[in-house]
Amino acid sequence: MKMHITMKALMIAMLAIAGNASAASAPVAGSVTLGVAVAEVTAVAHGWSVKKSILGKTVFNDVGAKVGAVEDLIIDPEKSISYVIVGAGGFVGIARHDVAIPVAQIHEEAGRLVLAGATKESVKALPEFEYAKADTADGNTDNVRGKVVAEAEREIAKARETTADLEKRAAAAKGEAKAKLDQHVATLHQDLKAAEDKLAEVKKAGEKKWKQLEAELNKAMDRVRQSLAKAA
C-alpha cells in the first residue's frame, strides 16, 4: 500500500507526538477549539509518528537502492507544502549532503520510505540545505550545538543497533565468515567508543572550544560510517 505524506498527515502525526489529542481539544475563550476533534482521533492514531516512522529512516528509490536518510522535517506554516531533509552520502562513509525534498514526493511502500526515480548521485546534485543562521546572529550557539549533538546521538544509536545485529550474525556464523564479522564488530565498537567520547567533549566544552571539537566529532563519525559501510 502506498501512502503519500501530505501536509495534513504530517501535522496529524505531529499532534499525535505532542500530547493527548482528546485533552487538547478543549475550547478557548468559547470560540476557538485547539487540537483535534473527536472524529479525528482515529486518524491521529493511524497517522505516521514522526519520531517512530520518519526521523532517521533510510530513503530508498523505487528499485530498492538507498539514496539517503531522513534527518529532519521542516514545516512552513505559510505554505501548503513542507519538506523532508534527506542526508545523502553519510551512510557510505563520505561527507553528508543535506537536501530538502517536498513531502509529497516521498511515499511509504512495504514499510519503506520511497523517493521514486532518485539515485544517490541525483540527490547529491540537489542544492545543499542549510539551516538559517539566525541561531548564531547574537553569538548564542546553544541551538546550533544542540542540533549537532542530537544528530550525532541519532546516528550513534543507529550504528549501535547495526553493531548489535552484526554481533548476532557473528554468533551464528562459522569459520572465516565468523572471523570477518568479529573483526567488523570489534572495529565498530572501537570507532563508536571514540565517537561517543568526542561527543561527550562537545557537550561539556565552552562556547569557543566546541566548534573545534565539532570538526573532530565529524571525523570520528566518518570513521563510524566507513566501518558500517565495510560491514554491510
C-alpha atoms as a PDB file:
ATOM      1  CA  MET A   1       0.000   0.000   0.000  1.00  0.00           C
ATOM      2  CA  LYS A   2       1.364   3.408  -0.911  1.00  0.00           C
ATOM      3  CA  MET A   3       0.831   6.325   1.445  1.00  0.00           C
ATOM      4  CA  HIS A   4       1.742   9.846   0.320  1.00  0.00           C
ATOM      5  CA  ILE A   5       2.913  12.140   3.119  1.00  0.00           C
ATOM      6  CA  THR A   6       0.658  15.174   2.807  1.00  0.00           C
ATOM      7  CA  MET A   7       0.853  18.307   4.921  1.00  0.00           C
ATOM      8  CA  LYS A   8      -2.352  17.237   6.689  1.00  0.00           C
ATOM      9  CA  ALA A   9      -0.994  13.795   7.508  1.00  0.00           C
ATOM     10  CA  LEU A  10       2.261  15.278   8.739  1.00  0.00           C
ATOM     11  CA  MET A  11       0.516  17.733  11.015  1.00  0.00           C
ATOM     12  CA  ILE A  12      -1.704  14.924  12.378  1.00  0.00           C
ATOM     13  CA  ALA A  13       1.393  12.893  13.170  1.00  0.00           C
ATOM     14  CA  MET A  14       2.982  15.864  14.920  1.00  0.00           C
ATOM     15  CA  LEU A  15      -0.143  16.283  17.025  1.00  0.00           C
ATOM     16  CA  ALA A  16      -0.022  12.630  17.995  1.00  0.00           C
ATOM     17  CA  ILE A  17       3.515  13.075  19.290  1.00  0.00           C
ATOM     18  CA  ALA A  18       2.896  16.395  21.018  1.00  0.00           C
ATOM     19  CA  GLY A  19       0.337  15.195  23.528  1.00  0.00           C
ATOM     20  CA  ASN A  20      -3.057  13.805  24.403  1.00  0.00           C
ATOM     21  CA  ALA A  21      -5.360  14.505  21.495  1.00  0.00           C
ATOM     22  CA  SER A  22      -8.611  14.489  23.399  1.00  0.00           C
ATOM     23  CA  ALA A  23      -7.317  16.735  26.184  1.00  0.00           C
ATOM     24  CA  ALA A  24      -6.036  19.203  23.607  1.00  0.00           C
ATOM     25  CA  SER A  25      -9.473  19.751  22.134  1.00  0.00           C
ATOM     26  CA  ALA A  26     -10.817  21.952  24.963  1.00  0.00           C
ATOM     27  CA  PRO A  27     -12.367  25.232  23.757  1.00  0.00           C
ATOM     28  CA  VAL A  28     -10.533  28.505  24.359  1.00  0.00           C
ATOM     29  CA  ALA A  29     -12.463  31.711  25.135  1.00  0.00           C
ATOM     30  CA  GLY A  30     -15.647  29.976  23.990  1.00  0.00           C
ATOM     31  CA  SER A  31     -14.893  30.323  20.292  1.00  0.00           C
ATOM     32  CA  VAL A  32     -11.677  28.598  19.200  1.00  0.00           C
ATOM     33  CA  THR A  33     -11.029  24.855  19.538  1.00  0.00           C
ATOM     34  CA  LEU A  34      -7.444  23.699  19.878  1.00  0.00           C
ATOM     35  CA  GLY A  35      -6.218  20.253  18.890  1.00  0.00           C
ATOM     36  CA  VAL A  36      -8.238  17.651  17.045  1.00  0.00           C
ATOM     37  CA  ALA A  37     -11.927  16.907  17.095  1.00  0.00           C
ATOM     38  CA  VAL A  38     -13.211  13.569  18.386  1.00  0.00           C
ATOM     39  CA  ALA A  39     -13.848  12.421  14.816  1.00  0.00           C
ATOM     40  CA  GLU A  40     -10.145  12.944  14.014  1.00  0.00           C
ATOM     41  CA  VAL A  41      -8.703  10.919  16.889  1.00  0.00           C
ATOM     42  CA  THR A  42      -8.733   7.718  14.830  1.00  0.00           C
ATOM     43  CA  ALA A  43      -6.891   9.472  12.021  1.00  0.00           C
ATOM     44  CA  VAL A  44      -4.256  10.597  14.522  1.00  0.00           C
ATOM     45  CA  ALA A  45      -3.856   7.079  15.885  1.00  0.00           C
ATOM     46  CA  HIS A  46      -3.340   5.668  12.378  1.00  0.00           C
ATOM     47  CA  GLY A  47      -1.141   8.519  11.162  1.00  0.00           C
ATOM     48  CA  TRP A  48       2.626   8.437  10.895  1.00  0.00           C
ATOM     49  CA  SER A  49       4.692   9.083  14.015  1.00  0.00           C
ATOM     50  CA  VAL A  50       7.478  11.475  13.052  1.00  0.00           C
ATOM     51  CA  LYS A  51       9.709  10.045  15.776  1.00  0.00           C
ATOM     52  CA  LYS A  52       8.977   6.361  15.134  1.00  0.00           C
ATOM     53  CA  SER A  53       8.267   6.207  11.403  1.00  0.00           C
ATOM     54  CA  ILE A  54      10.191   9.005   9.713  1.00  0.00           C
ATOM     55  CA  LEU A  55      13.196  10.506  11.519  1.00  0.00           C
ATOM     56  CA  GLY A  56      16.377   8.531  10.978  1.00  0.00           C
ATOM     57  CA  LYS A  57      14.796   6.223   8.422  1.00  0.00           C
ATOM     58  CA  THR A  58      16.601   5.251   5.239  1.00  0.00           C
ATOM     59  CA  VAL A  59      15.140   6.586   1.988  1.00  0.00           C
ATOM     60  CA  PHE A  60      15.123   4.204  -0.979  1.00  0.00           C
ATOM     61  CA  ASN A  61      14.373   4.698  -4.638  1.00  0.00           C
ATOM     62  CA  ASP A  62      11.762   2.667  -6.487  1.00  0.00           C
ATOM     63  CA  VAL A  63      14.243  -0.115  -7.317  1.00  0.00           C
ATOM     64  CA  GLY A  64      15.291  -0.613  -3.681  1.00  0.00           C
ATOM     65  CA  ALA A  65      18.608   1.267  -3.659  1.00  0.00           C
ATOM     66  CA  LYS A  66      19.472   3.506  -0.709  1.00  0.00           C
ATOM     67  CA  VAL A  67      19.606   7.207  -1.610  1.00  0.00           C
ATOM     68  CA  GLY A  68      19.797   8.863   1.823  1.00  0.00           C
ATOM     69  CA  ALA A  69      18.303   9.069   5.308  1.00  0.00           C
ATOM     70  CA  VAL A  70      15.716  11.402   6.867  1.00  0.00           C
ATOM     71  CA  GLU A  71      17.461  13.866   9.184  1.00  0.00           C
ATOM     72  CA  ASP A  72      14.736  16.432   9.868  1.00  0.00           C
ATOM     73  CA  LEU A  73      11.314  17.754   8.881  1.00  0.00           C
ATOM     74  CA  ILE A  74      10.704  21.397   8.045  1.00  0.00           C
ATOM     75  CA  ILE A  75       7.134  22.699   8.382  1.00  0.00           C
ATOM     76  CA  ASP A  76       6.396  26.018   6.706  1.00  0.00           C
ATOM     77  CA  PRO A  77       3.208  27.448   8.276  1.00  0.00           C
ATOM     78  CA  GLU A  78       2.851  29.974   5.458  1.00  0.00           C
ATOM     79  CA  LYS A  79       2.683  27.390   2.672  1.00  0.00           C
ATOM     80  CA  SER A  80       0.759  24.259   1.859  1.00  0.00           C
ATOM     81  CA  ILE A  81       3.972  22.267   1.481  1.00  0.00           C
ATOM     82  CA  SER A  82       6.638  21.101   3.892  1.00  0.00           C
ATOM     83  CA  TYR A  83       9.949  19.348   3.426  1.00  0.00           C
ATOM     84  CA  VAL A  84      11.805  16.224   4.440  1.00  0.00           C
ATOM     85  CA  ILE A  85      15.505  16.922   4.990  1.00  0.00           C
ATOM     86  CA  VAL A  86      17.396  13.985   3.499  1.00  0.00           C
ATOM     87  CA  GLY A  87      21.058  13.405   4.300  1.00  0.00           C
ATOM     88  CA  ALA A  88      22.701  11.873   1.246  1.00  0.00           C
ATOM     89  CA  GLY A  89      26.080  10.173   1.296  1.00  0.00           C
ATOM     90  CA  GLY A  90      26.783   9.921   5.017  1.00  0.00           C
ATOM     91  CA  PHE A  91      25.893   6.244   5.318  1.00  0.00           C
ATOM     92  CA  VAL A  92      28.542   5.269   2.757  1.00  0.00           C
ATOM     93  CA  GLY A  93      31.415   6.954   4.563  1.00  0.00           C
ATOM     94  CA  ILE A  94      31.574  10.284   2.762  1.00  0.00           C
ATOM     95  CA  ALA A  95      30.551  13.730   3.904  1.00  0.00           C
ATOM     96  CA  ARG A  96      26.799  14.040   4.210  1.00  0.00           C
ATOM     97  CA  HIS A  97      24.987  16.440   1.920  1.00  0.00           C
ATOM     98  CA  ASP A  98      21.575  17.517   3.243  1.00  0.00           C
ATOM     99  CA  VAL A  99      18.853  18.346   0.735  1.00  0.00           C
ATOM    100  CA  ALA A 100      15.210  19.412   1.078  1.00  0.00           C
ATOM    101  CA  ILE A 101      12.623  17.147  -0.566  1.00  0.00           C
ATOM    102  CA  PRO A 102       8.921  18.161  -0.704  1.00  0.00           C
ATOM    103  CA  VAL A 103       6.984  15.693   1.437  1.00  0.00           C
ATOM    104  CA  ALA A 104       4.570  14.921  -1.404  1.00  0.00           C
ATOM    105  CA  GLN A 105       7.445  13.370  -3.392  1.00  0.00           C
ATOM    106  CA  ILE A 106       8.020  10.654  -0.769  1.00  0.00           C
ATOM    107  CA  HIS A 107       5.665   7.748  -0.131  1.00  0.00           C
ATOM    108  CA  GLU A 108       5.617   4.658   2.063  1.00  0.00           C
ATOM    109  CA  GLU A 109       5.749   1.283   0.381  1.00  0.00           C
ATOM    110  CA  ALA A 110       6.111  -2.061   2.167  1.00  0.00           C
ATOM    111  CA  GLY A 111       7.397  -0.324   5.275  1.00  0.00           C
ATOM    112  CA  ARG A 112      10.000   1.729   3.401  1.00  0.00           C
ATOM    113  CA  LEU A 113      10.195   5.436   2.572  1.00  0.00           C
ATOM    114  CA  VAL A 114      10.497   5.680  -1.203  1.00  0.00           C
ATOM    115  CA  LEU A 115      11.641   8.595  -3.372  1.00  0.00           C
ATOM    116  CA  ALA A 116      10.791   7.378  -6.861  1.00  0.00           C
ATOM    117  CA  GLY A 117      13.286   7.997  -9.643  1.00  0.00           C
ATOM    118  CA  ALA A 118      16.075   9.106  -7.299  1.00  0.00           C
ATOM    119  CA  THR A 119      19.684   7.963  -7.210  1.00  0.00           C
ATOM    120  CA  LYS A 120      22.480   8.810  -4.787  1.00  0.00           C
ATOM    121  CA  GLU A 121      24.004  10.977  -7.491  1.00  0.00           C
ATOM    122  CA  SER A 122      20.801  12.869  -8.319  1.00  0.00           C
ATOM    123  CA  VAL A 123      20.087  13.557  -4.634  1.00  0.00           C
ATOM    124  CA  LYS A 124      23.659  14.738  -4.051  1.00  0.00           C
ATOM    125  CA  ALA A 125      23.311  17.011  -7.089  1.00  0.00           C
ATOM    126  CA  LEU A 126      20.437  18.939  -5.460  1.00  0.00           C
ATOM    127  CA  PRO A 127      21.231  22.252  -3.731  1.00  0.00           C
ATOM    128  CA  GLU A 128      22.578  21.672  -0.227  1.00  0.00           C
ATOM    129  CA  PHE A 129      20.188  22.512   2.600  1.00  0.00           C
ATOM    130  CA  GLU A 130      21.500  24.676   5.444  1.00  0.00           C
ATOM    131  CA  TYR A 131      19.642  25.911   8.498  1.00  0.00           C
ATOM    132  CA  ALA A 132      19.086  29.641   8.801  1.00  0.00           C
ATOM    133  CA  LYS A 133      21.931  31.458  10.525  1.00  0.00           C
ATOM    134  CA  ALA A 134      19.634  33.260  12.970  1.00  0.00           C
ATOM    135  CA  ASP A 135      20.719  30.971  15.802  1.00  0.00           C
ATOM    136  CA  THR A 136      24.208  32.451  15.787  1.00  0.00           C
ATOM    137  CA  ALA A 137      23.382  36.049  14.907  1.00  0.00           C
ATOM    138  CA  ASP A 138      23.553  37.165  18.545  1.00  0.00           C
ATOM    139  CA  GLY A 139      26.521  34.961  19.402  1.00  0.00           C
ATOM    140  CA  ASN A 140      24.351  32.337  21.105  1.00  0.00           C
ATOM    141  CA  THR A 141      25.375  28.939  19.689  1.00  0.00           C
ATOM    142  CA  ASP A 142      23.400  26.744  22.075  1.00  0.00           C
ATOM    143  CA  ASN A 143      20.755  25.908  19.458  1.00  0.00           C
ATOM    144  CA  VAL A 144      23.377  25.038  16.858  1.00  0.00           C
ATOM    145  CA  ARG A 145      25.288  22.847  19.279  1.00  0.00           C
ATOM    146  CA  GLY A 146      22.026  21.164  20.290  1.00  0.00           C
ATOM    147  CA  LYS A 147      21.348  20.206  16.667  1.00  0.00           C
ATOM    148  CA  VAL A 148      24.876  18.844  16.227  1.00  0.00           C
ATOM    149  CA  VAL A 149      24.584  16.799  19.417  1.00  0.00           C
ATOM    150  CA  ALA A 150      21.106  15.472  18.569  1.00  0.00           C
ATOM    151  CA  GLU A 151      22.200  14.455  15.076  1.00  0.00           C
ATOM    152  CA  ALA A 152      25.294  12.645  16.380  1.00  0.00           C
ATOM    153  CA  GLU A 153      23.249  10.883  19.056  1.00  0.00           C
ATOM    154  CA  ARG A 154      20.732   9.646  16.458  1.00  0.00           C
ATOM    155  CA  GLU A 155      23.476   8.389  14.183  1.00  0.00           C
ATOM    156  CA  ILE A 156      25.369   6.680  17.013  1.00  0.00           C
ATOM    157  CA  ALA A 157      22.169   4.996  18.204  1.00  0.00           C
ATOM    158  CA  LYS A 158      21.524   3.612  14.708  1.00  0.00           C
ATOM    159  CA  ALA A 159      25.140   2.437  14.458  1.00  0.00           C
ATOM    160  CA  ARG A 160      24.775   0.675  17.826  1.00  0.00           C
ATOM    161  CA  GLU A 161      21.689  -1.151  16.513  1.00  0.00           C
ATOM    162  CA  THR A 162      23.580  -2.222  13.388  1.00  0.00           C
ATOM    163  CA  THR A 163      26.509  -3.403  15.508  1.00  0.00           C
ATOM    164  CA  ALA A 164      24.154  -5.470  17.670  1.00  0.00           C
ATOM    165  CA  ASP A 165      22.740  -7.091  14.525  1.00  0.00           C
ATOM    166  CA  LEU A 166      26.272  -7.883  13.340  1.00  0.00           C
ATOM    167  CA  GLU A 167      27.064  -9.463  16.702  1.00  0.00           C
ATOM    168  CA  LYS A 168      24.074 -11.767  16.300  1.00  0.00           C
ATOM    169  CA  ARG A 169      25.203 -12.702  12.795  1.00  0.00           C
ATOM    170  CA  ALA A 170      28.731 -13.344  14.056  1.00  0.00           C
ATOM    171  CA  ALA A 171      27.431 -15.586  16.833  1.00  0.00           C
ATOM    172  CA  ALA A 172      25.601 -17.715  14.276  1.00  0.00           C
ATOM    173  CA  ALA A 173      28.426 -17.758  11.716  1.00  0.00           C
ATOM    174  CA  LYS A 174      31.361 -20.166  11.463  1.00  0.00           C
ATOM    175  CA  GLY A 175      34.887 -20.230  10.175  1.00  0.00           C
ATOM    176  CA  GLU A 176      36.155 -17.411   8.016  1.00  0.00           C
ATOM    177  CA  ALA A 177      32.772 -15.668   7.909  1.00  0.00           C
ATOM    178  CA  LYS A 178      32.667 -15.516  11.708  1.00  0.00           C
ATOM    179  CA  ALA A 179      36.212 -14.201  11.925  1.00  0.00           C
ATOM    180  CA  LYS A 180      35.414 -11.456   9.437  1.00  0.00           C
ATOM    181  CA  LEU A 181      32.221 -10.424  11.249  1.00  0.00           C
ATOM    182  CA  ASP A 182      34.005 -10.475  14.614  1.00  0.00           C
ATOM    183  CA  GLN A 183      36.618  -8.109  13.198  1.00  0.00           C
ATOM    184  CA  HIS A 184      33.952  -5.735  11.871  1.00  0.00           C
ATOM    185  CA  VAL A 185      32.198  -5.761  15.254  1.00  0.00           C
ATOM    186  CA  ALA A 186      35.434  -5.050  17.129  1.00  0.00           C
ATOM    187  CA  THR A 187      36.263  -2.147  14.792  1.00  0.00           C
ATOM    188  CA  LEU A 188      32.768  -0.702  15.137  1.00  0.00           C
ATOM    189  CA  HIS A 189      32.899  -0.865  18.926  1.00  0.00           C
ATOM    190  CA  GLN A 190      36.233   0.944  18.866  1.00  0.00           C
ATOM    191  CA  ASP A 191      35.037   3.625  16.428  1.00  0.00           C
ATOM    192  CA  LEU A 192      31.750   4.122  18.295  1.00  0.00           C
ATOM    193  CA  LYS A 193      33.582   4.500  21.613  1.00  0.00           C
ATOM    194  CA  ALA A 194      35.798   7.181  20.063  1.00  0.00           C
ATOM    195  CA  ALA A 195      32.757   8.986  18.626  1.00  0.00           C
ATOM    196  CA  GLU A 196      30.885   8.838  21.931  1.00  0.00           C
ATOM    197  CA  ASP A 197      33.915  10.180  23.819  1.00  0.00           C
ATOM    198  CA  LYS A 198      34.236  13.066  21.360  1.00  0.00           C
ATOM    199  CA  LEU A 199      30.511  13.771  21.601  1.00  0.00           C
ATOM    200  CA  ALA A 200      30.835  13.957  25.390  1.00  0.00           C
ATOM    201  CA  GLU A 201      33.622  16.546  24.934  1.00  0.00           C
ATOM    202  CA  VAL A 202      31.415  18.601  22.624  1.00  0.00           C
ATOM    203  CA  LYS A 203      28.641  18.611  25.231  1.00  0.00           C
ATOM    204  CA  LYS A 204      30.966  19.791  28.014  1.00  0.00           C
ATOM    205  CA  ALA A 205      33.110  22.248  26.036  1.00  0.00           C
ATOM    206  CA  GLY A 206      32.901  26.014  26.373  1.00  0.00           C
ATOM    207  CA  GLU A 207      31.354  28.184  23.678  1.00  0.00           C
ATOM    208  CA  LYS A 208      34.658  28.842  21.882  1.00  0.00           C
ATOM    209  CA  LYS A 209      36.098  25.342  22.158  1.00  0.00           C
ATOM    210  CA  TRP A 210      33.150  23.267  20.993  1.00  0.00           C
ATOM    211  CA  LYS A 211      33.346  24.347  17.327  1.00  0.00           C
ATOM    212  CA  GLN A 212      36.876  22.954  17.108  1.00  0.00           C
ATOM    213  CA  LEU A 213      35.682  19.755  18.741  1.00  0.00           C
ATOM    214  CA  GLU A 214      32.782  19.581  16.268  1.00  0.00           C
ATOM    215  CA  ALA A 215      35.275  19.059  13.431  1.00  0.00           C
ATOM    216  CA  GLU A 216      36.911  16.244  15.409  1.00  0.00           C
ATOM    217  CA  LEU A 217      33.488  14.730  16.099  1.00  0.00           C
ATOM    218  CA  ASN A 218      32.694  14.805  12.380  1.00  0.00           C
ATOM    219  CA  LYS A 219      35.919  12.894  11.664  1.00  0.00           C
ATOM    220  CA  ALA A 220      35.036  10.326  14.322  1.00  0.00           C
ATOM    221  CA  MET A 221      31.552   9.919  12.843  1.00  0.00           C
ATOM    222  CA  ASP A 222      33.059   9.489   9.371  1.00  0.00           C
ATOM    223  CA  ARG A 223      35.139   6.582  10.708  1.00  0.00           C
ATOM    224  CA  VAL A 224      31.964   5.019  12.095  1.00  0.00           C
ATOM    225  CA  ARG A 225      30.233   5.398   8.727  1.00  0.00           C
ATOM    226  CA  GLN A 226      33.200   3.862   6.904  1.00  0.00           C
ATOM    227  CA  SER A 227      33.214   0.893   9.268  1.00  0.00           C
ATOM    228  CA  LEU A 228      29.478   0.421   8.771  1.00  0.00           C
ATOM    229  CA  ALA A 229      29.927   0.510   5.001  1.00  0.00           C
ATOM    230  CA  LYS A 230      32.654  -2.143   5.136  1.00  0.00           C
ATOM    231  CA  ALA A 231      30.491  -4.355   7.333  1.00  0.00           C
ATOM    232  CA  ALA A 232      27.407  -4.034   5.099  1.00  0.00           C
END
